[in-house]
Amino acid sequence: MAEFEEDPSANTARFRAFAESKEEEMPAPWQMRAPASRVILLAAGVLVVAVLAGVVALSLAG
């Protein structure tokens, strides 16, 4: 099995570059385009539809 030597200074350099980077340089993972009130309203609508579907399914089964 071939052995390889890992350069510890490479990891140190990567860590220093990470530690010295500014947060403004890193892009946000995602940005919500819709306002929070609209998202909450949509979630509430989905919940109401799910409850109504459950009620209909129980009434048809029973």
C-alpha atoms as a PDB file:
ATOM      1  CA  MET A   1       0.000   0.000   0.000  1.00  0.00           C
ATOM      2  CA  ALA A   2       1.470   3.364  -0.964  1.00  0.00           C
ATOM      3  CA  GLU A   3       2.033   5.856   1.802  1.00  0.00           C
ATOM      4  CA  PHE A   4       1.738   9.569   1.308  1.00  0.00           C
ATOM      5  CA  GLU A   5       3.045  12.369   3.437  1.00  0.00           C
ATOM      6  CA  GLU A   6       0.569  15.047   4.372  1.00  0.00           C
ATOM      7  CA  ASP A   7       1.980  18.542   4.585  1.00  0.00           C
ATOM      8  CA  PRO A   8       0.802  20.016   7.906  1.00  0.00           C
ATOM      9  CA  SER A   9       1.624  23.537   6.742  1.00  0.00           C
ATOM     10  CA  ALA A  10      -0.997  23.220   3.992  1.00  0.00           C
ATOM     11  CA  ASN A  11      -3.731  22.740   6.592  1.00  0.00           C
ATOM     12  CA  THR A  12      -2.373  25.652   8.608  1.00  0.00           C
ATOM     13  CA  ALA A  13      -2.419  27.902   5.564  1.00  0.00           C
ATOM     14  CA  ARG A  14      -5.997  26.897   4.750  1.00  0.00           C
ATOM     15  CA  PHE A  15      -7.083  27.637   8.312  1.00  0.00           C
ATOM     16  CA  ARG A  16      -5.361  31.026   8.328  1.00  0.00           C
ATOM     17  CA  ALA A  17      -7.021  31.952   5.038  1.00  0.00           C
ATOM     18  CA  PHE A  18     -10.398  30.934   6.473  1.00  0.00           C
ATOM     19  CA  ALA A  19      -9.862  32.783   9.760  1.00  0.00           C
ATOM     20  CA  GLU A  20      -8.711  35.969   8.037  1.00  0.00           C
ATOM     21  CA  SER A  21     -11.538  36.064   5.499  1.00  0.00           C
ATOM     22  CA  LYS A  22     -14.287  38.579   6.102  1.00  0.00           C
ATOM     23  CA  GLU A  23     -17.907  37.507   6.373  1.00  0.00           C
ATOM     24  CA  GLU A  24     -18.902  40.057   3.715  1.00  0.00           C
ATOM     25  CA  GLU A  25     -16.806  38.195   1.167  1.00  0.00           C
ATOM     26  CA  MET A  26     -18.806  34.998   1.596  1.00  0.00           C
ATOM     27  CA  PRO A  27     -22.127  34.875  -0.250  1.00  0.00           C
ATOM     28  CA  ALA A  28     -25.279  34.111   1.691  1.00  0.00           C
ATOM     29  CA  PRO A  29     -26.417  30.497   1.311  1.00  0.00           C
ATOM     30  CA  TRP A  30     -29.844  31.714   0.176  1.00  0.00           C
ATOM     31  CA  GLN A  31     -31.932  34.826   0.325  1.00  0.00           C
ATOM     32  CA  MET A  32     -35.680  34.844   0.756  1.00  0.00           C
ATOM     33  CA  ARG A  33     -37.258  36.970  -1.949  1.00  0.00           C
ATOM     34  CA  ALA A  34     -40.783  36.939  -0.497  1.00  0.00           C
ATOM     35  CA  PRO A  35     -41.694  38.807   2.679  1.00  0.00           C
ATOM     36  CA  ALA A  36     -42.078  36.704   5.808  1.00  0.00           C
ATOM     37  CA  SER A  37     -45.802  37.481   6.094  1.00  0.00           C
ATOM     38  CA  ARG A  38     -46.438  35.981   2.661  1.00  0.00           C
ATOM     39  CA  VAL A  39     -44.478  32.843   3.536  1.00  0.00           C
ATOM     40  CA  ILE A  40     -46.476  32.423   6.755  1.00  0.00           C
ATOM     41  CA  LEU A  41     -49.728  32.934   4.852  1.00  0.00           C
ATOM     42  CA  LEU A  42     -48.731  30.287   2.308  1.00  0.00           C
ATOM     43  CA  ALA A  43     -47.764  27.832   5.069  1.00  0.00           C
ATOM     44  CA  ALA A  44     -51.107  28.416   6.788  1.00  0.00           C
ATOM     45  CA  GLY A  45     -52.937  27.799   3.497  1.00  0.00           C
ATOM     46  CA  VAL A  46     -51.093  24.518   2.976  1.00  0.00           C
ATOM     47  CA  LEU A  47     -51.948  23.470   6.529  1.00  0.00           C
ATOM     48  CA  VAL A  48     -55.654  24.264   6.029  1.00  0.00           C
ATOM     49  CA  VAL A  49     -55.739  22.268   2.790  1.00  0.00           C
ATOM     50  CA  ALA A  50     -54.057  19.314   4.521  1.00  0.00           C
ATOM     51  CA  VAL A  51     -56.554  19.383   7.407  1.00  0.00           C
ATOM     52  CA  LEU A  52     -59.503  19.595   5.002  1.00  0.00           C
ATOM     53  CA  ALA A  53     -58.133  16.691   2.975  1.00  0.00           C
ATOM     54  CA  GLY A  54     -57.824  14.668   6.187  1.00  0.00           C
ATOM     55  CA  VAL A  55     -61.391  15.481   7.217  1.00  0.00           C
ATOM     56  CA  VAL A  56     -62.706  14.498   3.782  1.00  0.00           C
ATOM     57  CA  ALA A  57     -60.704  11.270   3.816  1.00  0.00           C
ATOM     58  CA  LEU A  58     -62.008  10.334   7.269  1.00  0.00           C
ATOM     59  CA  SER A  59     -65.602  11.103   6.326  1.00  0.00           C
ATOM     60  CA  LEU A  60     -65.343   8.949   3.199  1.00  0.00           C
ATOM     61  CA  ALA A  61     -63.687   6.105   5.109  1.00  0.00           C
ATOM     62  CA  GLY A  62     -66.120   6.163   8.019  1.00  0.00           C
END
